[in-house]
Protein backbone atom coordinates (compact mmCIF):
# COMPACT_ATOMS: atom_id res chain seq x y z
CA MET A 1 -12.83 10.34 -29.53
CA TYR A 2 -9.72 7.80 -30.72
CA ARG A 3 -9.09 4.92 -28.62
CA ASN A 4 -5.31 3.42 -28.22
CA PRO A 5 -5.80 -0.44 -28.23
CA LEU A 6 -2.75 -0.65 -26.66
CA LYS A 7 -4.37 1.92 -23.52
CA LYS A 8 -7.01 -0.85 -22.38
CA ASN A 9 -8.32 2.29 -20.19
CA HIS A 10 -11.53 2.39 -19.19
CA LEU A 11 -11.90 6.08 -18.94
CA ILE A 12 -10.82 8.07 -21.71
CA GLN A 13 -13.69 10.71 -22.14
CA LYS A 14 -13.42 14.01 -21.70
CA PRO A 15 -16.83 16.00 -20.13
CA THR A 16 -18.19 17.89 -22.57
CA PRO A 17 -19.29 21.95 -21.39
CA ALA A 18 -23.04 22.52 -21.07
CA GLN A 19 -23.22 26.01 -21.22
CA PRO A 20 -24.72 28.45 -20.61
CA LEU A 21 -26.94 26.03 -18.09
CA LEU A 22 -23.61 25.05 -16.51
CA SER A 23 -21.89 27.43 -15.03
CA HIS A 24 -17.32 27.76 -16.60
CA THR A 25 -16.78 26.80 -12.90
CA GLU A 26 -19.09 23.93 -12.90
CA ASP A 27 -17.77 22.39 -16.39
CA ARG A 28 -13.64 22.84 -15.13
CA VAL A 29 -14.06 21.16 -11.67
CA LEU A 30 -15.30 18.18 -13.65
CA ASP A 31 -13.09 18.33 -16.27
CA GLU A 32 -10.44 18.85 -13.25
CA ALA A 33 -11.74 15.70 -11.59
CA VAL A 34 -11.64 13.46 -14.54
CA GLN A 35 -8.52 14.07 -15.77
CA GLY A 36 -7.39 13.38 -12.21
CA LEU A 37 -9.10 10.03 -12.58
CA ILE A 38 -7.66 9.50 -15.93
CA TYR A 39 -4.14 9.56 -14.82
CA VAL A 40 -4.96 7.74 -11.49
CA GLU A 41 -6.25 4.81 -13.87
CA ASP A 42 -3.42 4.98 -16.52
CA THR A 43 -1.06 4.78 -13.97
CA ILE A 44 -2.55 1.94 -11.30
CA ARG A 45 -2.67 -0.06 -15.28
CA LYS A 46 1.14 0.46 -15.88
CA LEU A 47 1.82 -0.60 -12.32
CA THR A 48 0.26 -3.56 -12.73
CA LYS A 49 1.80 -4.45 -15.95
CA GLU A 50 5.24 -3.89 -14.65
CA MET A 51 4.71 -6.13 -11.23
CA LYS A 52 3.53 -8.40 -14.05
CA LYS A 53 6.87 -8.47 -16.04
CA TYR A 54 8.62 -8.28 -12.46
CA ILE A 55 7.40 -11.56 -11.02
CA GLU A 56 8.37 -13.14 -14.67
CA ALA A 57 11.61 -11.69 -14.79
CA VAL A 58 12.48 -12.66 -10.95
CA VAL A 59 10.57 -16.30 -11.46
CA ASN A 60 12.93 -16.48 -14.78
CA LEU A 61 16.26 -15.84 -12.33
CA ALA A 62 15.24 -18.57 -9.70
CA LYS A 63 15.15 -20.98 -12.10
CA ALA A 64 17.73 -20.26 -14.40
CA ASP A 65 20.07 -20.25 -10.44
CA LYS A 66 17.80 -23.71 -10.02
CA LYS A 67 19.30 -24.62 -13.73
CA LEU A 68 22.79 -23.88 -12.68
CA THR A 69 22.88 -25.63 -9.46
CA THR A 70 21.29 -28.75 -11.43
CA ASN A 71 23.79 -28.50 -13.68
CA LEU A 72 26.78 -28.22 -11.34
CA THR A 73 25.53 -31.65 -9.59
CA THR A 74 25.70 -33.76 -12.76
CA CYS A 75 28.87 -32.34 -13.57
CA GLY A 76 32.09 -35.13 -13.72
CA LEU A 77 34.04 -32.64 -11.93
CA VAL A 78 32.13 -32.02 -8.76
CA HIS A 79 32.33 -35.89 -7.84
CA ILE A 80 37.04 -35.54 -7.51
CA SER A 81 36.44 -33.98 -4.63
CA ASP A 82 33.64 -35.01 -1.77
CA GLU A 83 34.37 -31.73 -0.09
CA PHE A 84 33.35 -29.83 -3.64
CA ARG A 85 30.63 -31.88 -3.96
CA THR A 86 28.86 -31.46 -1.15
CA VAL A 87 29.37 -27.83 -1.26
CA VAL A 88 27.41 -27.67 -4.50
CA GLU A 89 24.59 -29.85 -3.30
CA ASP A 90 24.48 -27.55 -0.46
CA TYR A 91 24.14 -24.80 -2.91
CA HIS A 92 21.40 -26.58 -5.30
CA SER A 93 19.41 -27.25 -1.85
CA VAL A 94 19.21 -23.95 -1.76
CA THR A 95 18.47 -23.27 -4.94
CA VAL A 96 15.57 -25.39 -4.59
CA GLN A 97 14.50 -23.72 -1.65
CA VAL A 98 14.46 -20.19 -2.76
CA VAL A 99 12.05 -21.73 -6.10
CA GLU A 100 9.60 -22.71 -3.50
CA THR A 101 9.74 -19.74 -1.41
CA MET A 102 9.42 -17.86 -5.22
CA GLN A 103 6.81 -20.24 -6.29
CA ASN A 104 4.72 -19.31 -3.02
CA MET A 105 5.64 -15.51 -2.84
CA THR A 106 4.37 -15.80 -6.89
CA ALA A 107 0.80 -16.23 -5.42
CA LEU A 108 0.93 -13.62 -2.83
CA TYR A 109 1.79 -11.25 -5.19
CA GLN A 110 -1.21 -12.06 -7.46
CA LYS A 111 -3.52 -12.18 -4.06
CA THR A 112 -2.17 -8.95 -2.81
CA PHE A 113 -0.96 -6.55 -5.36
CA ILE A 114 -2.54 -7.53 -8.54
CA GLU A 115 -6.48 -8.45 -8.20
CA PRO A 116 -6.65 -5.44 -6.02
CA LEU A 117 -5.47 -2.95 -7.92
CA LYS A 118 -7.53 -4.91 -10.73
CA LYS A 119 -10.67 -4.64 -8.36
CA LEU A 120 -9.95 -0.85 -8.84
CA ARG A 121 -9.68 -0.68 -11.85
CA ASP A 122 -12.98 -1.90 -12.35
CA ILE A 123 -14.03 0.67 -10.74
CA PHE A 124 -13.08 3.09 -13.50
CA THR A 125 -16.11 1.21 -15.89
CA LEU A 126 -18.79 2.86 -13.63
CA ILE A 127 -17.15 5.94 -13.75
CA ALA A 128 -16.89 5.66 -17.10
CA GLU A 129 -20.42 4.52 -17.45
CA ALA A 130 -21.73 7.97 -15.46
CA ILE A 131 -19.29 10.27 -17.58
CA ILE A 132 -20.97 8.56 -21.15
CA LYS A 133 -24.34 9.34 -19.15
CA ARG A 134 -23.67 12.94 -18.44
CA GLU A 135 -22.17 12.90 -21.91
CA ASP A 136 -26.17 11.70 -23.72
CA LEU A 137 -27.57 14.10 -21.05
CA VAL A 138 -25.50 17.28 -22.53
CA THR A 139 -26.25 16.10 -26.31
CA THR A 140 -30.06 15.74 -25.36
CA TRP A 141 -30.33 18.92 -23.57
CA LYS A 142 -28.08 20.88 -26.25
CA SER A 143 -30.47 19.63 -28.75
CA CYS A 144 -33.66 21.16 -26.56
CA HIS A 145 -32.13 23.96 -25.90
CA LYS A 146 -31.22 24.90 -29.93
CA SER A 147 -34.74 23.95 -30.35
CA VAL A 148 -36.18 26.44 -28.23
CA LYS A 149 -34.09 29.23 -29.30
CA LYS A 150 -35.30 28.47 -33.35
CA LEU A 151 -38.27 28.96 -31.85
CA GLN A 152 -38.20 32.08 -29.81
CA GLU A 153 -36.63 33.83 -32.79
CA LYS A 154 -39.48 33.22 -34.70
CA LYS A 155 -41.93 35.76 -35.17
CA ASP A 156 -44.70 33.18 -35.60
CA ARG A 157 -47.30 33.97 -32.42
CA THR A 158 -50.06 31.30 -34.00
CA ALA A 159 -51.79 28.82 -31.24
CA SER A 160 -49.47 25.89 -33.12
CA HIS A 161 -46.68 27.45 -32.58
CA ILE A 162 -47.17 29.10 -29.25
CA ALA A 163 -47.99 24.71 -28.33
CA LYS A 164 -44.69 23.89 -29.72
CA LEU A 165 -42.45 26.20 -28.02
CA GLU A 166 -44.19 25.23 -24.39
CA ARG A 167 -43.63 21.63 -25.10
CA GLU A 168 -40.01 22.37 -26.56
CA ARG A 169 -39.74 24.42 -22.88
CA ARG A 170 -40.62 21.42 -20.98
CA THR A 171 -38.92 19.34 -22.55
CA GLU A 172 -35.94 21.50 -22.18
CA GLU A 173 -36.65 22.25 -18.40
CA ALA A 174 -36.50 18.16 -17.77
CA ALA A 175 -33.31 17.13 -19.98
CA ALA A 176 -31.97 20.48 -17.72
CA LYS A 177 -32.74 18.90 -14.67
CA ASP A 178 -31.83 15.23 -15.57
CA LEU A 179 -28.44 16.82 -16.30
CA LYS A 180 -27.43 19.02 -13.53
CA THR A 181 -28.83 16.18 -10.97
CA VAL A 182 -26.49 13.45 -12.67
CA HIS A 183 -23.33 16.41 -12.87
CA ALA A 184 -23.62 17.25 -9.24
CA GLN A 185 -23.55 13.83 -8.16
CA LEU A 186 -20.50 13.44 -10.37
CA LEU A 187 -18.97 16.34 -8.56
CA ALA A 188 -19.57 15.20 -5.27
CA ASP A 189 -18.54 11.19 -5.98
CA LEU A 190 -15.77 11.50 -8.23
CA PRO A 191 -13.33 14.17 -6.20
CA MET A 192 -14.02 11.57 -3.15
CA PHE A 193 -13.00 8.67 -5.30
CA PHE A 194 -9.69 10.66 -5.95
CA ASP A 195 -9.01 11.37 -2.13
CA LYS A 196 -9.29 7.67 -1.29
CA ARG A 197 -7.50 6.13 -3.73
CA LEU A 198 -4.20 6.17 -1.45
CA GLU A 199 -6.29 4.44 1.20
CA TYR A 200 -6.87 1.80 -0.72
CA ILE A 201 -3.46 1.48 -2.35
CA LYS A 202 -1.33 2.01 0.97
CA PRO A 203 -2.23 -2.24 2.16
CA SER A 204 -0.75 -3.49 -1.39
CA ILE A 205 2.16 -1.65 -1.05
CA HIS A 206 2.47 -2.58 2.51
CA ALA A 207 1.74 -6.12 1.80
CA LEU A 208 4.63 -5.85 -1.40
CA ILE A 209 7.06 -4.55 1.23
CA MET A 210 6.84 -7.05 3.35
CA ILE A 211 6.61 -9.94 0.27
CA GLN A 212 9.97 -8.38 -1.07
CA LEU A 213 11.53 -8.13 2.21
CA GLU A 214 10.57 -12.46 3.28
CA TYR A 215 11.54 -13.10 -0.09
CA TYR A 216 15.21 -11.39 -0.29
CA GLY A 217 15.53 -11.33 3.40
CA SER A 218 15.08 -15.68 3.65
CA ALA A 219 17.38 -16.00 0.56
CA MET A 220 19.94 -14.06 1.54
CA HIS A 221 19.95 -15.92 5.32
CA LEU A 222 20.21 -19.22 3.27
CA PHE A 223 22.83 -18.28 0.95
CA ARG A 224 24.65 -16.05 4.04
CA GLN A 225 24.61 -19.60 5.59
CA LEU A 226 25.78 -21.68 3.02
CA LEU A 227 29.10 -19.36 2.85
CA ARG A 228 29.49 -19.13 6.37
CA ASP A 229 29.40 -22.36 6.73
CA SER A 230 31.19 -23.57 4.30
CA ASN A 231 34.41 -20.90 5.12
CA ALA A 232 34.07 -21.75 9.06
CA SER A 233 34.08 -25.89 8.54
CA GLY A 234 34.45 -27.03 4.62
CA SER A 235 30.83 -28.77 5.04
CA PRO A 236 28.16 -26.29 5.34
CA SER A 237 25.77 -29.49 5.83
CA SER A 238 26.72 -29.75 9.02
CA THR A 239 24.92 -26.69 10.41
CA MET A 240 22.76 -25.57 6.83
CA VAL A 241 18.85 -24.85 8.40
CA PRO A 242 16.48 -27.93 8.58
CA GLU A 243 14.27 -28.13 5.91
CA ASN A 244 11.03 -28.60 8.31
CA GLU A 245 12.16 -25.44 10.12
CA TYR A 246 12.79 -23.30 6.60
CA GLN A 247 9.31 -24.21 5.27
CA GLN A 248 7.85 -23.22 8.68
CA GLU A 249 10.00 -20.11 8.84
CA VAL A 250 8.87 -19.17 5.36
CA ALA A 251 4.85 -20.33 5.95
CA ASP A 252 4.81 -18.37 9.30
CA GLN A 253 5.46 -14.90 7.67
CA MET A 254 3.10 -15.98 4.49
CA ASN A 255 0.11 -16.09 7.02
CA ARG A 256 1.08 -13.09 8.44
CA ILE A 257 0.93 -11.22 4.42
CA LYS A 258 -2.40 -13.51 4.26
CA ALA A 259 -3.50 -11.88 7.32
CA LEU A 260 -3.47 -8.35 6.12
CA THR A 261 -6.93 -6.49 5.38
CA ILE A 262 -6.25 -6.06 1.49
CA VAL A 263 -6.67 -9.76 1.28
CA LYS A 264 -9.18 -10.79 3.80
CA ASP A 265 -12.65 -11.90 1.86
CA HIS A 266 -15.09 -9.34 3.03
């Protein structure tokens, strides 16, 4: 089967039917389970990829805001008015705090979303290996089954022919037993893993929502406070949230996120 190097999925091989040893239903159920997991792995890969792109975009945006306010603070026009200079300096202070918060949040994105999904994808390596093992057993059984049929079709009834046929039958029976065992195990394990996928992913989604709420909520609070105080008194510095209080609030929220089950060491 052709493998697209850009996909980089572990699970790409569809199970080969093994009739008449396995029924059509047994083959179909396994095929449906594998197809469902192929879709799940591809979705996880896309989520991880898009999350990395999102982090890069948000970090770049925060850095651009900081660069903008840095340039404003060094602009000669700012220093013509003390009031305007104060506004710009407080604006710059806010963007610096937002960048620092984003750096902390980026680490949490990695720990609560990207790393758990990566671990989940690693499980697909084991599933792919199990499918490959089944494929090898299917190939072995089909070869044995074909040999037995050929020997049975021959009219030769010599002792050597009968002995050879008996050996091939025993080999086929052993191969059939191994294949049925592996196939049955896959039929039991794969649907169970498929059903558990949401239970595993939900904590990561929950953590993502909490991180988003904290980051955008704190940023909005800072900018709203800056705007409100500027309009009220012309001097935002007088009532800005102190740096130590702001950082403590952010640290408290981050500790809540770190306490989630998804990021705890087991």
